[in-house]
């Protein structure tokens, strides 16, 4: 299988997310073994998540956020009501004129 190439900006964002998860775990004083068990994954998978490796599934991320009590944050990742680009595109795609219905 061909390996996907991730842009440097995506790799940095994943490493930062992994680091943030590691820090949150440590602030809660949870050892790797306990945290992995709460997530339902192996310690190796948790280590890969905390390193920010791109092959870790979104399900693992969701379980980590659940174990940290922060699952609501996943719903905020791309909230469409705050998607400025998407909202702007909606406005620019509006019709120039709206014609009324013709009376018969």
Protein backbone atom coordinates (compact mmCIF):
# COMPACT_ATOMS: atom_id res chain seq x y z
CA UNK A 1 0.00 0.00 0.00
CA UNK A 2 1.29 3.43 -0.94
CA UNK A 3 2.07 5.68 2.01
CA UNK A 4 0.25 9.01 2.08
CA UNK A 5 2.31 12.15 2.21
CA UNK A 6 1.10 14.75 4.67
CA UNK A 7 2.05 18.40 4.29
CA UNK A 8 4.38 19.78 6.96
CA UNK A 9 1.61 22.00 8.36
CA UNK A 10 -0.63 18.95 8.90
CA UNK A 11 2.21 17.05 10.57
CA UNK A 12 2.88 20.00 12.91
CA UNK A 13 -0.82 20.21 13.81
CA UNK A 14 -0.95 16.47 14.57
CA UNK A 15 2.20 16.65 16.70
CA UNK A 16 0.75 19.60 18.59
CA UNK A 17 -2.54 17.74 19.16
CA UNK A 18 -0.66 14.67 20.38
CA UNK A 19 1.41 16.77 22.73
CA UNK A 20 -1.70 18.45 24.09
CA UNK A 21 -3.28 15.05 24.77
CA UNK A 22 -0.11 13.91 26.56
CA UNK A 23 -0.06 17.06 28.70
CA UNK A 24 -3.77 16.70 29.55
CA UNK A 25 -3.16 13.07 30.57
CA UNK A 26 -0.23 14.06 32.77
CA UNK A 27 -2.16 16.91 34.39
CA UNK A 28 -4.76 14.33 35.38
CA UNK A 29 -1.95 12.16 36.78
CA UNK A 30 -2.90 9.19 34.60
CA UNK A 31 -0.16 6.70 33.75
CA UNK A 32 0.02 5.53 30.14
CA UNK A 33 -1.23 2.05 31.08
CA UNK A 34 -4.32 3.37 32.88
CA UNK A 35 -5.16 5.89 30.17
CA UNK A 36 -4.78 3.31 27.41
CA UNK A 37 -7.03 0.92 29.34
CA UNK A 38 -9.69 3.61 29.76
CA UNK A 39 -9.50 4.28 26.02
CA UNK A 40 -9.68 0.58 25.16
CA UNK A 41 -6.45 0.64 23.14
CA UNK A 42 -2.93 -0.68 23.54
CA UNK A 43 -0.17 1.41 25.09
CA UNK A 44 1.53 1.45 21.69
CA UNK A 45 -1.53 3.00 20.07
CA UNK A 46 -1.68 5.64 22.80
CA UNK A 47 2.00 6.38 22.30
CA UNK A 48 1.41 6.81 18.55
CA UNK A 49 -1.49 9.19 19.28
CA UNK A 50 0.63 11.26 21.68
CA UNK A 51 3.41 11.46 19.07
CA UNK A 52 0.91 12.79 16.55
CA UNK A 53 1.36 9.99 14.04
CA UNK A 54 -1.07 10.48 11.14
CA UNK A 55 -2.16 6.82 10.94
CA UNK A 56 -4.03 6.87 14.26
CA UNK A 57 -7.78 6.68 13.72
CA UNK A 58 -10.34 9.30 14.64
CA UNK A 59 -11.97 6.68 16.85
CA UNK A 60 -8.83 6.54 18.99
CA UNK A 61 -8.86 10.33 19.24
CA UNK A 62 -12.53 10.25 20.26
CA UNK A 63 -11.81 7.66 22.95
CA UNK A 64 -8.90 9.74 24.28
CA UNK A 65 -11.11 12.82 24.53
CA UNK A 66 -13.80 10.73 26.22
CA UNK A 67 -11.30 9.42 28.78
CA UNK A 68 -10.19 13.01 29.43
CA UNK A 69 -13.79 14.20 29.79
CA UNK A 70 -13.39 16.47 26.77
CA UNK A 71 -15.43 14.76 24.02
CA UNK A 72 -17.38 17.96 23.40
CA UNK A 73 -14.23 19.49 21.95
CA UNK A 74 -14.35 17.08 19.02
CA UNK A 75 -17.70 18.55 18.00
CA UNK A 76 -16.09 22.00 17.89
CA UNK A 77 -13.33 21.07 15.44
CA UNK A 78 -15.19 22.40 12.41
CA UNK A 79 -18.43 23.87 13.62
CA UNK A 80 -20.26 24.86 10.43
CA UNK A 81 -21.85 27.83 12.16
CA UNK A 82 -18.33 29.25 12.69
CA UNK A 83 -16.91 28.26 9.28
CA UNK A 84 -16.15 31.73 7.92
CA UNK A 85 -15.04 30.47 4.52
CA UNK A 86 -18.10 28.26 4.17
CA UNK A 87 -20.40 31.07 5.22
CA UNK A 88 -18.76 33.45 2.75
CA UNK A 89 -19.15 30.91 -0.05
CA UNK A 90 -22.84 30.58 0.84
CA UNK A 91 -23.28 34.33 0.44
CA UNK A 92 -21.39 34.51 -2.85
CA UNK A 93 -23.46 31.70 -4.37
CA UNK A 94 -26.76 33.48 -3.81
CA UNK A 95 -28.64 34.37 -7.01
CA UNK A 96 -28.35 37.93 -8.29
CA UNK A 97 -32.11 38.22 -8.70
CA UNK A 98 -35.06 36.38 -7.33
CA UNK A 99 -38.04 36.43 -9.60
CA UNK A 100 -41.53 36.26 -8.24
CA UNK A 101 -43.92 33.59 -9.43
CA UNK A 102 -45.85 34.45 -12.57
CA UNK A 103 -49.56 34.97 -12.21
CA UNK A 104 -51.67 32.99 -14.69
